[in-house]
Amino acid sequence: MSDVTIRVPTPLRSFTGGADEVAVQGETVGEALEALGTLHAGILEYVLESDRDIRRFVNIYLGDRNISALGGLDTPIDEAVVISIVPAVAGGR
């Protein structure tokens, strides 16, 4: 198991008691997110669909790479890294 830091966006910090980062362990991005959900009940409902796919307006990065360009939730974690949950931002005219 790798040590992982998950960066939590401001809108979800009410689930983490205000913490902007949470330390978990996991061998894949999905396992790390499940560990986050175990520590902070309710948070995954805003990140994953009921079928465990990533919500449409959420991006998840492993380091500086979007996991959608890697192996999705099955992307392996080889070393201590940072996973960032990033809500998509829309706007414009």
Protein backbone atom coordinates (compact mmCIF):
# COMPACT_ATOMS: atom_id res chain seq x y z
CA MET A 1 0.00 0.00 0.00
CA SER A 2 1.20 3.46 -0.86
CA ASP A 3 0.79 6.51 1.32
CA VAL A 4 -1.35 9.05 -0.49
CA THR A 5 -2.41 12.61 0.24
CA ILE A 6 -5.81 13.56 -1.15
CA ARG A 7 -6.39 17.27 -1.71
CA VAL A 8 -9.99 18.15 -0.95
CA PRO A 9 -11.65 21.11 -2.70
CA THR A 10 -13.26 23.82 -0.60
CA PRO A 11 -16.88 22.74 -1.28
CA LEU A 12 -16.18 19.27 0.19
CA ARG A 13 -14.21 20.32 3.25
CA SER A 14 -17.32 20.26 5.43
CA PHE A 15 -16.99 16.46 5.24
CA THR A 16 -13.35 16.56 6.40
CA GLY A 17 -13.81 18.94 9.31
CA GLY A 18 -12.26 21.72 7.24
CA ALA A 19 -9.10 19.80 6.31
CA ASP A 20 -7.80 20.58 2.85
CA GLU A 21 -5.73 17.38 2.72
CA VAL A 22 -6.37 13.86 4.01
CA ALA A 23 -3.75 11.11 4.30
CA VAL A 24 -4.88 7.63 3.22
CA GLN A 25 -3.39 4.45 1.79
CA GLY A 26 -4.21 2.55 -1.37
CA GLU A 27 -2.77 0.62 -4.26
CA THR A 28 -5.02 2.33 -6.82
CA VAL A 29 -6.73 5.70 -7.06
CA GLY A 30 -10.07 3.97 -6.46
CA GLU A 31 -8.80 2.32 -3.27
CA ALA A 32 -7.46 5.65 -2.01
CA LEU A 33 -10.82 7.30 -2.66
CA GLU A 34 -12.63 4.46 -0.89
CA ALA A 35 -10.33 5.00 2.10
CA LEU A 36 -11.26 8.69 2.02
CA GLY A 37 -14.94 7.72 2.02
CA THR A 38 -14.39 5.41 4.99
CA LEU A 39 -12.73 8.19 6.98
CA HIS A 40 -15.22 10.89 5.94
CA ALA A 41 -18.72 9.53 5.39
CA GLY A 42 -20.75 11.14 2.62
CA ILE A 43 -17.91 12.72 0.68
CA LEU A 44 -17.82 10.14 -2.12
CA GLU A 45 -21.43 10.88 -3.08
CA TYR A 46 -20.11 14.16 -4.50
CA VAL A 47 -17.16 12.54 -6.29
CA LEU A 48 -18.48 9.22 -7.62
CA GLU A 49 -21.75 8.06 -9.17
CA SER A 50 -23.63 5.17 -7.57
CA ASP A 51 -21.99 2.81 -10.09
CA ARG A 52 -18.58 4.09 -8.90
CA ASP A 53 -17.83 6.07 -12.07
CA ILE A 54 -16.40 9.54 -11.59
CA ARG A 55 -19.09 12.22 -11.64
CA ARG A 56 -19.28 14.16 -14.88
CA PHE A 57 -18.19 17.50 -13.43
CA VAL A 58 -15.34 16.18 -11.29
CA ASN A 59 -11.75 15.68 -12.39
CA ILE A 60 -9.29 13.60 -10.42
CA TYR A 61 -5.55 14.06 -10.81
CA LEU A 62 -2.73 11.78 -9.75
CA GLY A 63 0.14 14.20 -9.41
CA ASP A 64 -0.32 16.46 -12.42
CA ARG A 65 -2.06 13.91 -14.66
CA ASN A 66 -5.80 13.51 -15.06
CA ILE A 67 -6.64 9.88 -14.29
CA SER A 68 -9.06 9.82 -17.25
CA ALA A 69 -5.94 9.80 -19.46
CA LEU A 70 -4.43 7.01 -17.36
CA GLY A 71 -6.30 3.99 -16.03
CA GLY A 72 -9.21 5.79 -14.40
CA LEU A 73 -9.97 4.61 -10.86
CA ASP A 74 -7.82 1.52 -11.52
CA THR A 75 -4.71 3.68 -11.99
CA PRO A 76 -1.99 2.18 -9.78
CA ILE A 77 -0.23 4.24 -7.16
CA ASP A 78 3.45 3.37 -7.17
CA GLU A 79 4.79 5.79 -4.59
CA ALA A 80 3.74 8.49 -2.16
CA VAL A 81 1.78 10.94 -4.30
CA VAL A 82 -0.96 13.52 -4.19
CA ILE A 83 -4.44 12.93 -5.56
CA SER A 84 -6.41 16.10 -6.26
CA ILE A 85 -10.19 16.22 -6.52
CA VAL A 86 -11.00 19.14 -8.80
CA PRO A 87 -14.57 20.24 -9.50
CA ALA A 88 -14.97 21.30 -13.12
CA VAL A 89 -15.61 24.99 -13.55
CA ALA A 90 -18.02 26.22 -16.21
CA GLY A 91 -18.74 29.72 -17.30
CA GLY A 92 -18.35 32.20 -20.06
CA ARG A 93 -20.71 33.96 -22.39
